[in-house]
Amino acid sequence: MPGILVHGDNHFVVRGPEPDGATAMALVKQWSVIQIGGVTPPGLRAWQISTREFRENLEWAIVIRGDSPMTSAVTLLLDELSGRGLTIRHC
């Protein structure tokens, strides 16, 4: 199931079940720094970054506070998701 994971001014469209707060933080740490040849830890293999999803299909959204503010495009998307009844979780 697709969702969006937002961290400050960065975001990831993700395929996988809605993660809990600790897992969401681990995913942000895993994906925020490019690791050439890096191996995904076994506990995070249920999620992968998706490059093509329709916004209408997003089923979950998690926002993790970062050092930079969210971009206006992501703020607009989260407002749209909230407007259609999706709960935006803040960790």
PDB file of N, CA and C in Angstrom:
ATOM      1  N   MET A   1       0.834  -1.175   0.000  1.00  0.00           N
ATOM      2  CA  MET A   1       0.000   0.000   0.000  1.00  0.00           C
ATOM      3  C   MET A   1       0.880   1.240   0.000  1.00  0.00           C
ATOM      4  N   PRO A   2       0.598   2.178  -0.864  1.00  0.00           N
ATOM      5  CA  PRO A   2       1.446   3.365  -0.980  1.00  0.00           C
ATOM      6  C   PRO A   2       1.117   4.426   0.072  1.00  0.00           C
ATOM      7  N   GLY A   3       2.152   5.147   0.462  1.00  0.00           N
ATOM      8  CA  GLY A   3       1.995   6.248   1.402  1.00  0.00           C
ATOM      9  C   GLY A   3       3.093   7.271   1.185  1.00  0.00           C
ATOM     10  N   ILE A   4       3.089   8.294   2.024  1.00  0.00           N
ATOM     11  CA  ILE A   4       4.110   9.337   1.929  1.00  0.00           C
ATOM     12  C   ILE A   4       4.737   9.533   3.303  1.00  0.00           C
ATOM     13  N   LEU A   5       6.045   9.621   3.301  1.00  0.00           N
ATOM     14  CA  LEU A   5       6.828   9.853   4.515  1.00  0.00           C
ATOM     15  C   LEU A   5       7.540  11.184   4.325  1.00  0.00           C
ATOM     16  N   VAL A   6       7.228  12.148   5.179  1.00  0.00           N
ATOM     17  CA  VAL A   6       7.758  13.507   5.048  1.00  0.00           C
ATOM     18  C   VAL A   6       8.722  13.766   6.201  1.00  0.00           C
ATOM     19  N   HIS A   7       9.889  14.316   5.856  1.00  0.00           N
ATOM     20  CA  HIS A   7      10.875  14.689   6.868  1.00  0.00           C
ATOM     21  C   HIS A   7      11.423  16.062   6.499  1.00  0.00           C
ATOM     22  N   GLY A   8      10.938  17.090   7.196  1.00  0.00           N
ATOM     23  CA  GLY A   8      11.376  18.449   6.878  1.00  0.00           C
ATOM     24  C   GLY A   8      11.037  18.789   5.445  1.00  0.00           C
ATOM     25  N   ASP A   9      12.034  19.243   4.684  1.00  0.00           N
ATOM     26  CA  ASP A   9      11.788  19.607   3.286  1.00  0.00           C
ATOM     27  C   ASP A   9      12.016  18.438   2.325  1.00  0.00           C
ATOM     28  N   ASN A  10      12.117  17.233   2.862  1.00  0.00           N
ATOM     29  CA  ASN A  10      12.318  16.043   2.049  1.00  0.00           C
ATOM     30  C   ASN A  10      11.095  15.141   2.209  1.00  0.00           C
ATOM     31  N   HIS A  11      10.776  14.380   1.182  1.00  0.00           N
ATOM     32  CA  HIS A  11       9.681  13.428   1.297  1.00  0.00           C
ATOM     33  C   HIS A  11       9.965  12.207   0.429  1.00  0.00           C
ATOM     34  N   PHE A  12       9.338  11.107   0.820  1.00  0.00           N
ATOM     35  CA  PHE A  12       9.489   9.852   0.106  1.00  0.00           C
ATOM     36  C   PHE A  12       8.104   9.280  -0.139  1.00  0.00           C
ATOM     37  N   VAL A  13       7.809   8.929  -1.365  1.00  0.00           N
ATOM     38  CA  VAL A  13       6.604   8.168  -1.664  1.00  0.00           C
ATOM     39  C   VAL A  13       7.026   6.714  -1.530  1.00  0.00           C
ATOM     40  N   VAL A  14       6.288   5.983  -0.717  1.00  0.00           N
ATOM     41  CA  VAL A  14       6.739   4.672  -0.252  1.00  0.00           C
ATOM     42  C   VAL A  14       5.685   3.612  -0.543  1.00  0.00           C
ATOM     43  N   ARG A  15       6.138   2.431  -0.885  1.00  0.00           N
ATOM     44  CA  ARG A  15       5.267   1.259  -0.974  1.00  0.00           C
ATOM     45  C   ARG A  15       5.565   0.377   0.218  1.00  0.00           C
ATOM     46  N   GLY A  16       4.511   0.034   0.937  1.00  0.00           N
ATOM     47  CA  GLY A  16       4.637  -0.839   2.094  1.00  0.00           C
ATOM     48  C   GLY A  16       3.566  -0.493   3.104  1.00  0.00           C
ATOM     49  N   PRO A  17       3.464  -1.258   4.161  1.00  0.00           N
ATOM     50  CA  PRO A  17       2.467  -0.972   5.191  1.00  0.00           C
ATOM     51  C   PRO A  17       2.812   0.317   5.933  1.00  0.00           C
ATOM     52  N   GLU A  18       1.820   0.918   6.569  1.00  0.00           N
ATOM     53  CA  GLU A  18       2.087   2.131   7.338  1.00  0.00           C
ATOM     54  C   GLU A  18       3.024   1.780   8.499  1.00  0.00           C
ATOM     55  N   PRO A  19       4.204   2.398   8.554  1.00  0.00           N
ATOM     56  CA  PRO A  19       5.158   2.065   9.624  1.00  0.00           C
ATOM     57  C   PRO A  19       4.783   2.754  10.935  1.00  0.00           C
ATOM     58  N   ASP A  20       5.272   2.195  12.032  1.00  0.00           N
ATOM     59  CA  ASP A  20       5.122   2.885  13.307  1.00  0.00           C
ATOM     60  C   ASP A  20       6.156   4.005  13.360  1.00  0.00           C
ATOM     61  N   GLY A  21       6.106   4.820  14.402  1.00  0.00           N
ATOM     62  CA  GLY A  21       6.988   5.983  14.499  1.00  0.00           C
ATOM     63  C   GLY A  21       8.473   5.638  14.454  1.00  0.00           C
ATOM     64  N   ALA A  22       8.868   4.608  15.188  1.00  0.00           N
ATOM     65  CA  ALA A  22      10.288   4.222  15.230  1.00  0.00           C
ATOM     66  C   ALA A  22      10.760   3.724  13.863  1.00  0.00           C
ATOM     67  N   THR A  23       9.924   2.967  13.193  1.00  0.00           N
ATOM     68  CA  THR A  23      10.287   2.460  11.870  1.00  0.00           C
ATOM     69  C   THR A  23      10.341   3.596  10.856  1.00  0.00           C
ATOM     70  N   ALA A  24       9.403   4.538  10.952  1.00  0.00           N
ATOM     71  CA  ALA A  24       9.413   5.697  10.055  1.00  0.00           C
ATOM     72  C   ALA A  24      10.721   6.470  10.211  1.00  0.00           C
ATOM     73  N   MET A  25      11.172   6.665  11.448  1.00  0.00           N
ATOM     74  CA  MET A  25      12.450   7.350  11.688  1.00  0.00           C
ATOM     75  C   MET A  25      13.613   6.553  11.086  1.00  0.00           C
ATOM     76  N   ALA A  26      13.586   5.244  11.247  1.00  0.00           N
ATOM     77  CA  ALA A  26      14.654   4.403  10.694  1.00  0.00           C
ATOM     78  C   ALA A  26      14.662   4.483   9.167  1.00  0.00           C
ATOM     79  N   LEU A  27      13.482   4.524   8.543  1.00  0.00           N
ATOM     80  CA  LEU A  27      13.411   4.652   7.084  1.00  0.00           C
ATOM     81  C   LEU A  27      13.987   5.985   6.627  1.00  0.00           C
ATOM     82  N   VAL A  28      13.654   7.061   7.325  1.00  0.00           N
ATOM     83  CA  VAL A  28      14.200   8.382   6.985  1.00  0.00           C
ATOM     84  C   VAL A  28      15.720   8.357   7.070  1.00  0.00           C
ATOM     85  N   LYS A  29      16.252   7.781   8.125  1.00  0.00           N
ATOM     86  CA  LYS A  29      17.710   7.704   8.279  1.00  0.00           C
ATOM     87  C   LYS A  29      18.334   6.860   7.166  1.00  0.00           C
ATOM     88  N   GLN A  30      17.677   5.765   6.819  1.00  0.00           N
ATOM     89  CA  GLN A  30      18.191   4.867   5.787  1.00  0.00           C
ATOM     90  C   GLN A  30      18.238   5.549   4.428  1.00  0.00           C
ATOM     91  N   TRP A  31      17.188   6.311   4.104  1.00  0.00           N
ATOM     92  CA  TRP A  31      17.062   6.878   2.769  1.00  0.00           C
ATOM     93  C   TRP A  31      17.600   8.286   2.627  1.00  0.00           C
ATOM     94  N   SER A  32      17.926   8.946   3.703  1.00  0.00           N
ATOM     95  CA  SER A  32      18.372  10.340   3.613  1.00  0.00           C
ATOM     96  C   SER A  32      19.804  10.477   3.131  1.00  0.00           C
ATOM     97  N   VAL A  33      20.588   9.459   3.306  1.00  0.00           N
ATOM     98  CA  VAL A  33      21.986   9.486   2.860  1.00  0.00           C
ATOM     99  C   VAL A  33      22.173   8.366   1.847  1.00  0.00           C
ATOM    100  N   ILE A  34      22.601   8.727   0.656  1.00  0.00           N
ATOM    101  CA  ILE A  34      22.815   7.719  -0.386  1.00  0.00           C
ATOM    102  C   ILE A  34      23.994   6.846   0.015  1.00  0.00           C
ATOM    103  N   GLN A  35      23.756   5.551  -0.021  1.00  0.00           N
ATOM    104  CA  GLN A  35      24.787   4.593   0.359  1.00  0.00           C
ATOM    105  C   GLN A  35      25.017   3.635  -0.810  1.00  0.00           C
ATOM    106  N   ILE A  36      25.996   3.945  -1.625  1.00  0.00           N
ATOM    107  CA  ILE A  36      26.277   3.103  -2.786  1.00  0.00           C
ATOM    108  C   ILE A  36      26.715   1.730  -2.292  1.00  0.00           C
ATOM    109  N   GLY A  37      26.019   0.713  -2.782  1.00  0.00           N
ATOM    110  CA  GLY A  37      26.324  -0.658  -2.380  1.00  0.00           C
ATOM    111  C   GLY A  37      25.802  -1.009  -1.009  1.00  0.00           C
ATOM    112  N   GLY A  38      25.064  -0.077  -0.381  1.00  0.00           N
ATOM    113  CA  GLY A  38      24.522  -0.344   0.950  1.00  0.00           C
ATOM    114  C   GLY A  38      23.430  -1.397   0.913  1.00  0.00           C
ATOM    115  N   VAL A  39      23.263  -2.070   2.025  1.00  0.00           N
ATOM    116  CA  VAL A  39      22.265  -3.120   2.141  1.00  0.00           C
ATOM    117  C   VAL A  39      21.169  -2.643   3.089  1.00  0.00           C
ATOM    118  N   THR A  40      19.937  -2.832   2.692  1.00  0.00           N
ATOM    119  CA  THR A  40      18.808  -2.462   3.539  1.00  0.00           C
ATOM    120  C   THR A  40      18.723  -3.443   4.702  1.00  0.00           C
ATOM    121  N   PRO A  41      18.637  -2.935   5.935  1.00  0.00           N
ATOM    122  CA  PRO A  41      18.504  -3.833   7.085  1.00  0.00           C
ATOM    123  C   PRO A  41      17.238  -4.690   6.954  1.00  0.00           C
ATOM    124  N   PRO A  42      17.277  -5.919   7.437  1.00  0.00           N
ATOM    125  CA  PRO A  42      16.122  -6.820   7.301  1.00  0.00           C
ATOM    126  C   PRO A  42      14.811  -6.218   7.817  1.00  0.00           C
ATOM    127  N   GLY A  43      14.848  -5.468   8.882  1.00  0.00           N
ATOM    128  CA  GLY A  43      13.636  -4.894   9.454  1.00  0.00           C
ATOM    129  C   GLY A  43      12.989  -3.811   8.610  1.00  0.00           C
ATOM    130  N   LEU A  44      13.696  -3.333   7.574  1.00  0.00           N
ATOM    131  CA  LEU A  44      13.164  -2.262   6.717  1.00  0.00           C
ATOM    132  C   LEU A  44      12.859  -2.739   5.301  1.00  0.00           C
ATOM    133  N   ARG A  45      12.994  -4.001   5.049  1.00  0.00           N
ATOM    134  CA  ARG A  45      12.821  -4.509   3.683  1.00  0.00           C
ATOM    135  C   ARG A  45      11.372  -4.544   3.210  1.00  0.00           C
ATOM    136  N   ALA A  46      10.422  -4.324   4.106  1.00  0.00           N
ATOM    137  CA  ALA A  46       9.008  -4.314   3.713  1.00  0.00           C
ATOM    138  C   ALA A  46       8.638  -3.017   2.997  1.00  0.00           C
ATOM    139  N   TRP A  47       9.550  -2.018   2.993  1.00  0.00           N
ATOM    140  CA  TRP A  47       9.274  -0.720   2.382  1.00  0.00           C
ATOM    141  C   TRP A  47      10.269  -0.433   1.276  1.00  0.00           C
ATOM    142  N   GLN A  48       9.782   0.241   0.254  1.00  0.00           N
ATOM    143  CA  GLN A  48      10.667   0.684  -0.810  1.00  0.00           C
ATOM    144  C   GLN A  48      10.154   2.005  -1.363  1.00  0.00           C
ATOM    145  N   ILE A  49      11.070   2.822  -1.821  1.00  0.00           N
ATOM    146  CA  ILE A  49      10.700   4.095  -2.437  1.00  0.00           C
ATOM    147  C   ILE A  49      10.055   3.795  -3.778  1.00  0.00           C
ATOM    148  N   SER A  50       8.952   4.468  -4.032  1.00  0.00           N
ATOM    149  CA  SER A  50       8.229   4.296  -5.290  1.00  0.00           C
ATOM    150  C   SER A  50       8.388   5.564  -6.127  1.00  0.00           C
ATOM    151  N   THR A  51       8.641   5.398  -7.393  1.00  0.00           N
ATOM    152  CA  THR A  51       8.829   6.558  -8.263  1.00  0.00           C
ATOM    153  C   THR A  51       7.559   6.926  -9.022  1.00  0.00           C
ATOM    154  N   ARG A  52       6.542   6.075  -8.966  1.00  0.00           N
ATOM    155  CA  ARG A  52       5.285   6.352  -9.664  1.00  0.00           C
ATOM    156  C   ARG A  52       4.101   5.901  -8.853  1.00  0.00           C
ATOM    157  N   GLU A  53       3.381   6.849  -8.321  1.00  0.00           N
ATOM    158  CA  GLU A  53       2.134   6.557  -7.608  1.00  0.00           C
ATOM    159  C   GLU A  53       1.159   7.682  -7.913  1.00  0.00           C
ATOM    160  N   PHE A  54      -0.104   7.351  -7.961  1.00  0.00           N
ATOM    161  CA  PHE A  54      -1.131   8.369  -8.091  1.00  0.00           C
ATOM    162  C   PHE A  54      -1.492   8.859  -6.696  1.00  0.00           C
ATOM    163  N   ARG A  55      -1.611  10.165  -6.544  1.00  0.00           N
ATOM    164  CA  ARG A  55      -1.913  10.740  -5.230  1.00  0.00           C
ATOM    165  C   ARG A  55      -3.218  10.195  -4.679  1.00  0.00           C
ATOM    166  N   GLU A  56      -4.148   9.826  -5.553  1.00  0.00           N
ATOM    167  CA  GLU A  56      -5.426   9.274  -5.119  1.00  0.00           C
ATOM    168  C   GLU A  56      -5.269   7.914  -4.452  1.00  0.00           C
ATOM    169  N   ASN A  57      -4.149   7.243  -4.703  1.00  0.00           N
ATOM    170  CA  ASN A  57      -3.930   5.906  -4.149  1.00  0.00           C
ATOM    171  C   ASN A  57      -3.167   5.907  -2.822  1.00  0.00           C
ATOM    172  N   LEU A  58      -2.656   7.070  -2.402  1.00  0.00           N
ATOM    173  CA  LEU A  58      -1.911   7.118  -1.143  1.00  0.00           C
ATOM    174  C   LEU A  58      -2.840   6.765   0.012  1.00  0.00           C
ATOM    175  N   GLU A  59      -2.412   5.838   0.858  1.00  0.00           N
ATOM    176  CA  GLU A  59      -3.250   5.330   1.933  1.00  0.00           C
ATOM    177  C   GLU A  59      -2.790   5.752   3.320  1.00  0.00           C
ATOM    178  N   TRP A  60      -1.582   6.267   3.435  1.00  0.00           N
ATOM    179  CA  TRP A  60      -1.093   6.718   4.734  1.00  0.00           C
ATOM    180  C   TRP A  60      -0.107   7.858   4.536  1.00  0.00           C
ATOM    181  N   ALA A  61       0.056   8.655   5.599  1.00  0.00           N
ATOM    182  CA  ALA A  61       0.997   9.781   5.569  1.00  0.00           C
ATOM    183  C   ALA A  61       1.571   9.976   6.964  1.00  0.00           C
ATOM    184  N   ILE A  62       2.875  10.104   7.013  1.00  0.00           N
ATOM    185  CA  ILE A  62       3.576  10.342   8.282  1.00  0.00           C
ATOM    186  C   ILE A  62       4.500  11.532   8.089  1.00  0.00           C
ATOM    187  N   VAL A  63       4.452  12.454   9.043  1.00  0.00           N
ATOM    188  CA  VAL A  63       5.318  13.631   9.012  1.00  0.00           C
ATOM    189  C   VAL A  63       6.253  13.550  10.210  1.00  0.00           C
ATOM    190  N   ILE A  64       7.538  13.628   9.932  1.00  0.00           N
ATOM    191  CA  ILE A  64       8.558  13.664  10.976  1.00  0.00           C
ATOM    192  C   ILE A  64       9.210  15.033  10.911  1.00  0.00           C
ATOM    193  N   ARG A  65       9.203  15.710  12.000  1.00  0.00           N
ATOM    194  CA  ARG A  65       9.767  17.059  12.037  1.00  0.00           C
ATOM    195  C   ARG A  65      11.242  17.041  11.649  1.00  0.00           C
ATOM    196  N   GLY A  66      11.611  17.989  10.826  1.00  0.00           N
ATOM    197  CA  GLY A  66      13.001  18.104  10.397  1.00  0.00           C
ATOM    198  C   GLY A  66      13.526  19.489  10.664  1.00  0.00           C
ATOM    199  N   ASP A  67      14.751  19.757  10.246  1.00  0.00           N
ATOM    200  CA  ASP A  67      15.376  21.063  10.447  1.00  0.00           C
ATOM    201  C   ASP A  67      14.843  22.119   9.486  1.00  0.00           C
ATOM    202  N   SER A  68      14.326  21.685   8.346  1.00  0.00           N
ATOM    203  CA  SER A  68      13.817  22.608   7.335  1.00  0.00           C
ATOM    204  C   SER A  68      12.299  22.487   7.248  1.00  0.00           C
ATOM    205  N   PRO A  69      11.617  23.565   6.873  1.00  0.00           N
ATOM    206  CA  PRO A  69      10.164  23.490   6.735  1.00  0.00           C
ATOM    207  C   PRO A  69       9.757  22.675   5.510  1.00  0.00           C
ATOM    208  N   MET A  70       8.553  22.115   5.562  1.00  0.00           N
ATOM    209  CA  MET A  70       8.007  21.377   4.433  1.00  0.00           C
ATOM    210  C   MET A  70       7.883  22.274   3.210  1.00  0.00           C
ATOM    211  N   THR A  71       8.031  21.696   2.039  1.00  0.00           N
ATOM    212  CA  THR A  71       7.826  22.469   0.817  1.00  0.00           C
ATOM    213  C   THR A  71       6.332  22.750   0.651  1.00  0.00           C
ATOM    214  N   SER A  72       6.020  23.787  -0.101  1.00  0.00           N
ATOM    215  CA  SER A  72       4.614  24.146  -0.306  1.00  0.00           C
ATOM    216  C   SER A  72       3.869  23.043  -1.068  1.00  0.00           C
ATOM    217  N   ALA A  73       4.545  22.358  -1.978  1.00  0.00           N
ATOM    218  CA  ALA A  73       3.902  21.282  -2.739  1.00  0.00           C
ATOM    219  C   ALA A  73       3.498  20.129  -1.818  1.00  0.00           C
ATOM    220  N   VAL A  74       4.365  19.764  -0.894  1.00  0.00           N
ATOM    221  CA  VAL A  74       4.048  18.675   0.032  1.00  0.00           C
ATOM    222  C   VAL A  74       2.961  19.118   1.009  1.00  0.00           C
ATOM    223  N   THR A  75       3.010  20.362   1.455  1.00  0.00           N
ATOM    224  CA  THR A  75       1.962  20.888   2.334  1.00  0.00           C
ATOM    225  C   THR A  75       0.612  20.819   1.634  1.00  0.00           C
ATOM    226  N   LEU A  76       0.570  21.197   0.377  1.00  0.00           N
ATOM    227  CA  LEU A  76      -0.663  21.143  -0.404  1.00  0.00           C
ATOM    228  C   LEU A  76      -1.164  19.703  -0.539  1.00  0.00           C
ATOM    229  N   LEU A  77      -0.259  18.772  -0.815  1.00  0.00           N
ATOM    230  CA  LEU A  77      -0.627  17.368  -0.935  1.00  0.00           C
ATOM    231  C   LEU A  77      -1.185  16.842   0.384  1.00  0.00           C
ATOM    232  N   LEU A  78      -0.537  17.162   1.499  1.00  0.00           N
ATOM    233  CA  LEU A  78      -1.023  16.703   2.799  1.00  0.00           C
ATOM    234  C   LEU A  78      -2.391  17.291   3.116  1.00  0.00           C
ATOM    235  N   ASP A  79      -2.611  18.540   2.748  1.00  0.00           N
ATOM    236  CA  ASP A  79      -3.932  19.158   2.936  1.00  0.00           C
ATOM    237  C   ASP A  79      -4.985  18.411   2.115  1.00  0.00           C
ATOM    238  N   GLU A  80      -4.629  18.062   0.895  1.00  0.00           N
ATOM    239  CA  GLU A  80      -5.548  17.316   0.023  1.00  0.00           C
ATOM    240  C   GLU A  80      -5.871  15.946   0.631  1.00  0.00           C
ATOM    241  N   LEU A  81      -4.841  15.255   1.113  1.00  0.00           N
ATOM    242  CA  LEU A  81      -5.043  13.940   1.718  1.00  0.00           C
ATOM    243  C   LEU A  81      -5.918  14.040   2.965  1.00  0.00           C
ATOM    244  N   SER A  82      -5.649  15.042   3.775  1.00  0.00           N
ATOM    245  CA  SER A  82      -6.443  15.265   4.981  1.00  0.00           C
ATOM    246  C   SER A  82      -7.895  15.575   4.613  1.00  0.00           C
ATOM    247  N   GLY A  83      -8.087  16.359   3.565  1.00  0.00           N
ATOM    248  CA  GLY A  83      -9.415  16.726   3.107  1.00  0.00           C
ATOM    249  C   GLY A  83     -10.250  15.542   2.652  1.00  0.00           C
ATOM    250  N   ARG A  84      -9.588  14.500   2.208  1.00  0.00           N
ATOM    251  CA  ARG A  84     -10.343  13.316   1.798  1.00  0.00           C
ATOM    252  C   ARG A  84     -10.443  12.281   2.916  1.00  0.00           C
ATOM    253  N   GLY A  85     -10.039  12.702   4.131  1.00  0.00           N
ATOM    254  CA  GLY A  85     -10.255  11.874   5.317  1.00  0.00           C
ATOM    255  C   GLY A  85      -9.077  11.048   5.770  1.00  0.00           C
ATOM    256  N   LEU A  86      -7.932  11.189   5.106  1.00  0.00           N
ATOM    257  CA  LEU A  86      -6.747  10.435   5.509  1.00  0.00           C
ATOM    258  C   LEU A  86      -6.145  11.073   6.758  1.00  0.00           C
ATOM    259  N   THR A  87      -5.797  10.290   7.740  1.00  0.00           N
ATOM    260  CA  THR A  87      -5.166  10.813   8.947  1.00  0.00           C
ATOM    261  C   THR A  87      -3.685  11.029   8.685  1.00  0.00           C
ATOM    262  N   ILE A  88      -3.197  12.219   8.993  1.00  0.00           N
ATOM    263  CA  ILE A  88      -1.772  12.548   8.851  1.00  0.00           C
ATOM    264  C   ILE A  88      -1.154  12.372  10.228  1.00  0.00           C
ATOM    265  N   ARG A  89      -0.293  11.382  10.373  1.00  0.00           N
ATOM    266  CA  ARG A  89       0.360  11.140  11.667  1.00  0.00           C
ATOM    267  C   ARG A  89       1.620  11.963  11.774  1.00  0.00           C
ATOM    268  N   HIS A  90       1.827  12.564  12.923  1.00  0.00           N
ATOM    269  CA  HIS A  90       3.031  13.356  13.195  1.00  0.00           C
ATOM    270  C   HIS A  90       3.854  12.630  14.248  1.00  0.00           C
ATOM    271  N   CYS A  91       5.112  12.403  13.934  1.00  0.00           N
ATOM    272  CA  CYS A  91       6.014  11.708  14.870  1.00  0.00           C
ATOM    273  C   CYS A  91       7.103  12.647  15.328  1.00  0.00           C
TER     274      CYS A  91
END
